[in-house]
Amino acid sequence: MNLNPENLGVPLRDDGQGVLRVAGTRVSLDTLIGAFHRGATPEEIAQDYSTLKLADVYATIAYYLQNRLEVDAYLREQQRRGQEIQQRMEAAFDPVGIRERLLARRKETA
């Protein structure tokens, strides 16, 4: 994937693990664009994520709108990676019956 928003002055940085985050925050591009897709305004997004500057939200959304194909491809890849990680975790740690096991453990220690 060849997204390089830093060269354009867009406040996005790769966190070293392939995730683009708004510079100076832990807020991912996925999170910000997801909120935008759900109909949140830039002001609402900045209010919901107090570490975000309103100007950075606008700049990130503008970058997305100008590079929709590339960013959408990045977002699909992030979703695919997330699903892959979830499948590996579920294979390693059976989620079926987790609530019952936790409640039983609580009773043992009480």
N, C-alpha and C. Protein backbone atom coordinates (compact mmCIF):
# COMPACT_ATOMS: atom_id res chain seq x y z
N MET A 1 0.86 -1.17 0.00
CA MET A 1 0.00 0.00 0.00
C MET A 1 0.90 1.23 0.00
N ASN A 2 0.56 2.23 -0.77
CA ASN A 2 1.44 3.37 -0.93
C ASN A 2 0.79 4.66 -0.45
N LEU A 3 0.29 4.66 0.77
CA LEU A 3 -0.25 5.89 1.35
C LEU A 3 0.90 6.62 2.02
N ASN A 4 1.09 7.87 1.69
CA ASN A 4 2.14 8.66 2.31
C ASN A 4 1.64 10.05 2.62
N PRO A 5 0.73 10.16 3.59
CA PRO A 5 0.11 11.45 3.89
C PRO A 5 1.08 12.46 4.49
N GLU A 6 2.18 11.99 5.10
CA GLU A 6 3.11 12.91 5.75
C GLU A 6 3.71 13.90 4.75
N ASN A 7 3.92 13.46 3.51
CA ASN A 7 4.50 14.34 2.50
C ASN A 7 3.54 15.46 2.11
N LEU A 8 2.27 15.31 2.42
CA LEU A 8 1.27 16.31 2.05
C LEU A 8 0.89 17.22 3.23
N GLY A 9 1.54 17.06 4.35
CA GLY A 9 1.22 17.86 5.52
C GLY A 9 -0.01 17.39 6.26
N VAL A 10 -0.48 16.19 5.95
CA VAL A 10 -1.64 15.62 6.64
C VAL A 10 -1.14 15.05 7.96
N PRO A 11 -1.85 15.29 9.05
CA PRO A 11 -1.39 14.87 10.37
C PRO A 11 -1.58 13.38 10.65
N LEU A 12 -1.12 12.52 9.76
CA LEU A 12 -1.22 11.07 9.97
C LEU A 12 0.18 10.50 10.02
N ARG A 13 0.38 9.56 10.94
CA ARG A 13 1.68 8.92 11.09
C ARG A 13 1.49 7.42 11.23
N ASP A 14 2.40 6.67 10.65
CA ASP A 14 2.41 5.22 10.80
C ASP A 14 2.97 4.93 12.20
N ASP A 15 2.28 4.09 12.95
CA ASP A 15 2.70 3.81 14.32
C ASP A 15 3.78 2.74 14.41
N GLY A 16 4.33 2.32 13.27
CA GLY A 16 5.36 1.31 13.26
C GLY A 16 4.82 -0.10 13.13
N GLN A 17 3.51 -0.25 13.24
CA GLN A 17 2.87 -1.54 13.09
C GLN A 17 1.89 -1.54 11.91
N GLY A 18 2.04 -0.54 11.06
CA GLY A 18 1.21 -0.47 9.87
C GLY A 18 -0.13 0.20 10.08
N VAL A 19 -0.33 0.85 11.23
CA VAL A 19 -1.58 1.54 11.51
C VAL A 19 -1.34 3.04 11.42
N LEU A 20 -2.17 3.71 10.62
CA LEU A 20 -2.07 5.17 10.53
C LEU A 20 -2.88 5.79 11.65
N ARG A 21 -2.22 6.70 12.38
CA ARG A 21 -2.86 7.39 13.50
C ARG A 21 -2.71 8.89 13.31
N VAL A 22 -3.66 9.63 13.86
CA VAL A 22 -3.56 11.09 13.83
C VAL A 22 -2.35 11.45 14.70
N ALA A 23 -1.45 12.25 14.15
CA ALA A 23 -0.19 12.58 14.81
C ALA A 23 -0.43 13.09 16.23
N GLY A 24 0.37 12.56 17.15
CA GLY A 24 0.30 12.99 18.54
C GLY A 24 -0.85 12.37 19.32
N THR A 25 -1.56 11.43 18.72
CA THR A 25 -2.68 10.78 19.40
C THR A 25 -2.62 9.28 19.16
N ARG A 26 -3.50 8.55 19.82
CA ARG A 26 -3.65 7.12 19.57
C ARG A 26 -4.86 6.85 18.67
N VAL A 27 -5.50 7.91 18.17
CA VAL A 27 -6.69 7.77 17.34
C VAL A 27 -6.28 7.34 15.94
N SER A 28 -6.81 6.20 15.50
CA SER A 28 -6.45 5.68 14.18
C SER A 28 -7.27 6.33 13.07
N LEU A 29 -6.72 6.25 11.88
CA LEU A 29 -7.45 6.72 10.70
C LEU A 29 -8.76 5.96 10.58
N ASP A 30 -8.72 4.66 10.88
CA ASP A 30 -9.91 3.82 10.83
C ASP A 30 -11.02 4.39 11.73
N THR A 31 -10.64 4.77 12.94
CA THR A 31 -11.61 5.29 13.90
C THR A 31 -12.21 6.60 13.43
N LEU A 32 -11.35 7.50 12.98
CA LEU A 32 -11.82 8.82 12.55
C LEU A 32 -12.73 8.71 11.33
N ILE A 33 -12.32 7.94 10.34
CA ILE A 33 -13.13 7.82 9.12
C ILE A 33 -14.39 7.02 9.41
N GLY A 34 -14.31 6.05 10.31
CA GLY A 34 -15.51 5.31 10.72
C GLY A 34 -16.55 6.24 11.32
N ALA A 35 -16.12 7.15 12.18
CA ALA A 35 -17.05 8.13 12.77
C ALA A 35 -17.64 9.03 11.68
N PHE A 36 -16.80 9.45 10.75
CA PHE A 36 -17.25 10.28 9.64
C PHE A 36 -18.31 9.54 8.81
N HIS A 37 -18.06 8.26 8.54
CA HIS A 37 -19.03 7.46 7.77
C HIS A 37 -20.35 7.28 8.52
N ARG A 38 -20.29 7.27 9.84
CA ARG A 38 -21.52 7.14 10.63
C ARG A 38 -22.28 8.46 10.75
N GLY A 39 -21.74 9.51 10.12
CA GLY A 39 -22.45 10.78 10.07
C GLY A 39 -21.99 11.83 11.07
N ALA A 40 -20.92 11.55 11.81
CA ALA A 40 -20.42 12.53 12.78
C ALA A 40 -19.77 13.69 12.02
N THR A 41 -19.99 14.88 12.52
CA THR A 41 -19.34 16.06 11.95
C THR A 41 -17.91 16.14 12.49
N PRO A 42 -17.04 16.89 11.83
CA PRO A 42 -15.68 17.07 12.36
C PRO A 42 -15.71 17.60 13.81
N GLU A 43 -16.62 18.50 14.09
CA GLU A 43 -16.72 19.04 15.45
C GLU A 43 -17.09 17.94 16.45
N GLU A 44 -18.02 17.07 16.08
CA GLU A 44 -18.42 15.98 16.96
C GLU A 44 -17.26 14.99 17.17
N ILE A 45 -16.53 14.72 16.10
CA ILE A 45 -15.39 13.81 16.21
C ILE A 45 -14.35 14.39 17.15
N ALA A 46 -14.03 15.67 16.98
CA ALA A 46 -13.05 16.31 17.86
C ALA A 46 -13.53 16.34 19.30
N GLN A 47 -14.82 16.49 19.50
CA GLN A 47 -15.37 16.50 20.85
C GLN A 47 -15.32 15.10 21.46
N ASP A 48 -15.60 14.08 20.66
CA ASP A 48 -15.60 12.70 21.16
C ASP A 48 -14.20 12.19 21.48
N TYR A 49 -13.21 12.70 20.78
CA TYR A 49 -11.81 12.29 20.99
C TYR A 49 -11.02 13.54 21.39
N SER A 50 -10.92 13.76 22.67
CA SER A 50 -10.38 15.01 23.18
C SER A 50 -8.92 15.26 22.80
N THR A 51 -8.20 14.22 22.39
CA THR A 51 -6.81 14.43 21.97
C THR A 51 -6.70 15.00 20.57
N LEU A 52 -7.80 14.98 19.81
CA LEU A 52 -7.78 15.47 18.44
C LEU A 52 -7.99 16.98 18.38
N LYS A 53 -7.23 17.61 17.50
CA LYS A 53 -7.45 19.02 17.20
C LYS A 53 -8.45 19.08 16.04
N LEU A 54 -9.35 20.04 16.09
CA LEU A 54 -10.36 20.17 15.05
C LEU A 54 -9.72 20.32 13.67
N ALA A 55 -8.65 21.09 13.58
CA ALA A 55 -7.97 21.29 12.29
C ALA A 55 -7.43 19.96 11.76
N ASP A 56 -6.94 19.10 12.66
CA ASP A 56 -6.43 17.79 12.23
C ASP A 56 -7.55 16.90 11.73
N VAL A 57 -8.71 16.99 12.36
CA VAL A 57 -9.87 16.21 11.90
C VAL A 57 -10.25 16.65 10.49
N TYR A 58 -10.36 17.95 10.29
CA TYR A 58 -10.69 18.46 8.95
C TYR A 58 -9.64 18.04 7.92
N ALA A 59 -8.37 18.15 8.27
CA ALA A 59 -7.30 17.80 7.33
C ALA A 59 -7.34 16.32 6.98
N THR A 60 -7.63 15.49 7.97
CA THR A 60 -7.69 14.05 7.73
C THR A 60 -8.88 13.69 6.85
N ILE A 61 -10.02 14.31 7.11
CA ILE A 61 -11.20 14.05 6.28
C ILE A 61 -10.97 14.55 4.86
N ALA A 62 -10.35 15.71 4.72
CA ALA A 62 -10.04 16.23 3.39
C ALA A 62 -9.10 15.28 2.65
N TYR A 63 -8.10 14.76 3.36
CA TYR A 63 -7.19 13.80 2.74
C TYR A 63 -7.96 12.56 2.28
N TYR A 64 -8.84 12.08 3.13
CA TYR A 64 -9.66 10.92 2.78
C TYR A 64 -10.49 11.21 1.52
N LEU A 65 -11.15 12.34 1.47
CA LEU A 65 -12.02 12.66 0.34
C LEU A 65 -11.22 12.83 -0.96
N GLN A 66 -9.99 13.29 -0.84
CA GLN A 66 -9.15 13.46 -2.03
C GLN A 66 -8.46 12.17 -2.47
N ASN A 67 -8.40 11.19 -1.57
CA ASN A 67 -7.70 9.94 -1.86
C ASN A 67 -8.55 8.74 -1.47
N ARG A 68 -9.82 8.84 -1.79
CA ARG A 68 -10.80 7.85 -1.32
C ARG A 68 -10.44 6.42 -1.73
N LEU A 69 -10.05 6.19 -2.95
CA LEU A 69 -9.75 4.83 -3.40
C LEU A 69 -8.61 4.22 -2.59
N GLU A 70 -7.53 4.97 -2.42
CA GLU A 70 -6.38 4.46 -1.69
C GLU A 70 -6.71 4.25 -0.21
N VAL A 71 -7.40 5.21 0.39
CA VAL A 71 -7.72 5.10 1.82
C VAL A 71 -8.72 3.96 2.03
N ASP A 72 -9.70 3.83 1.16
CA ASP A 72 -10.66 2.72 1.30
C ASP A 72 -9.94 1.38 1.18
N ALA A 73 -8.96 1.27 0.29
CA ALA A 73 -8.17 0.04 0.17
C ALA A 73 -7.41 -0.22 1.46
N TYR A 74 -6.82 0.83 2.04
CA TYR A 74 -6.12 0.71 3.33
C TYR A 74 -7.09 0.25 4.42
N LEU A 75 -8.28 0.84 4.47
CA LEU A 75 -9.26 0.49 5.49
C LEU A 75 -9.72 -0.96 5.34
N ARG A 76 -9.91 -1.41 4.11
CA ARG A 76 -10.27 -2.82 3.88
C ARG A 76 -9.17 -3.76 4.36
N GLU A 77 -7.92 -3.40 4.09
CA GLU A 77 -6.80 -4.22 4.53
C GLU A 77 -6.72 -4.25 6.05
N GLN A 78 -6.96 -3.12 6.70
CA GLN A 78 -6.95 -3.08 8.16
C GLN A 78 -8.06 -3.97 8.72
N GLN A 79 -9.22 -3.94 8.09
CA GLN A 79 -10.33 -4.77 8.53
C GLN A 79 -9.98 -6.25 8.35
N ARG A 80 -9.36 -6.59 7.23
CA ARG A 80 -8.95 -7.96 6.99
C ARG A 80 -7.94 -8.42 8.04
N ARG A 81 -6.97 -7.57 8.34
CA ARG A 81 -5.97 -7.90 9.36
C ARG A 81 -6.62 -8.08 10.72
N GLY A 82 -7.57 -7.24 11.05
CA GLY A 82 -8.28 -7.35 12.33
C GLY A 82 -9.05 -8.66 12.43
N GLN A 83 -9.70 -9.05 11.36
CA GLN A 83 -10.44 -10.31 11.36
C GLN A 83 -9.49 -11.49 11.50
N GLU A 84 -8.34 -11.41 10.85
CA GLU A 84 -7.34 -12.47 10.95
C GLU A 84 -6.84 -12.61 12.39
N ILE A 85 -6.57 -11.50 13.02
CA ILE A 85 -6.12 -11.53 14.42
C ILE A 85 -7.21 -12.09 15.32
N GLN A 86 -8.45 -11.68 15.10
CA GLN A 86 -9.56 -12.19 15.89
C GLN A 86 -9.69 -13.70 15.74
N GLN A 87 -9.56 -14.21 14.53
CA GLN A 87 -9.66 -15.65 14.29
C GLN A 87 -8.54 -16.40 15.02
N ARG A 88 -7.32 -15.84 14.97
CA ARG A 88 -6.21 -16.48 15.68
C ARG A 88 -6.44 -16.50 17.18
N MET A 89 -6.96 -15.39 17.71
CA MET A 89 -7.21 -15.32 19.15
C MET A 89 -8.32 -16.28 19.56
N GLU A 90 -9.36 -16.36 18.77
CA GLU A 90 -10.46 -17.27 19.10
C GLU A 90 -10.02 -18.72 18.99
N ALA A 91 -9.10 -19.02 18.06
CA ALA A 91 -8.59 -20.38 17.95
C ALA A 91 -7.72 -20.74 19.15
N ALA A 92 -6.98 -19.76 19.65
CA ALA A 92 -6.09 -20.00 20.79
C ALA A 92 -6.84 -19.98 22.13
N PHE A 93 -7.89 -19.17 22.22
CA PHE A 93 -8.65 -19.00 23.46
C PHE A 93 -10.13 -19.15 23.14
N ASP A 94 -10.67 -20.31 23.41
CA ASP A 94 -12.06 -20.61 23.09
C ASP A 94 -13.00 -19.64 23.81
N PRO A 95 -13.74 -18.80 23.04
CA PRO A 95 -14.65 -17.84 23.68
C PRO A 95 -15.95 -18.46 24.17
N VAL A 96 -16.25 -19.69 23.74
CA VAL A 96 -17.50 -20.33 24.13
C VAL A 96 -17.42 -20.67 25.62
N GLY A 97 -18.41 -20.21 26.35
CA GLY A 97 -18.49 -20.50 27.77
C GLY A 97 -17.62 -19.63 28.65
N ILE A 98 -17.04 -18.58 28.09
CA ILE A 98 -16.14 -17.72 28.86
C ILE A 98 -16.85 -17.09 30.05
N ARG A 99 -18.07 -16.64 29.86
CA ARG A 99 -18.82 -16.00 30.95
C ARG A 99 -19.00 -16.97 32.10
N GLU A 100 -19.38 -18.19 31.78
CA GLU A 100 -19.61 -19.19 32.82
C GLU A 100 -18.30 -19.51 33.56
N ARG A 101 -17.20 -19.63 32.82
CA ARG A 101 -15.90 -19.91 33.45
C ARG A 101 -15.48 -18.76 34.37
N LEU A 102 -15.70 -17.53 33.93
CA LEU A 102 -15.34 -16.38 34.76
C LEU A 102 -16.20 -16.31 36.02
N LEU A 103 -17.50 -16.57 35.87
CA LEU A 103 -18.37 -16.56 37.05
C LEU A 103 -18.00 -17.68 38.02
N ALA A 104 -17.66 -18.85 37.50
CA ALA A 104 -17.25 -19.96 38.36
C ALA A 104 -15.96 -19.60 39.09
N ARG A 105 -15.03 -18.98 38.41
CA ARG A 105 -13.76 -18.56 39.04
C ARG A 105 -14.02 -17.53 40.14
N ARG A 106 -14.96 -16.62 39.88
CA ARG A 106 -15.31 -15.61 40.88
C ARG A 106 -15.84 -16.27 42.15
N LYS A 107 -16.71 -17.28 41.98
CA LYS A 107 -17.30 -17.99 43.13
C LYS A 107 -16.21 -18.70 43.92
N GLU A 108 -15.21 -19.25 43.25
CA GLU A 108 -14.13 -19.97 43.91
C GLU A 108 -13.31 -19.03 44.79
N THR A 109 -13.12 -17.80 44.35
CA THR A 109 -12.28 -16.86 45.10
C THR A 109 -13.06 -16.06 46.13
N ALA A 110 -14.39 -16.15 46.07
CA ALA A 110 -15.22 -15.36 47.00
C ALA A 110 -15.35 -16.01 48.35
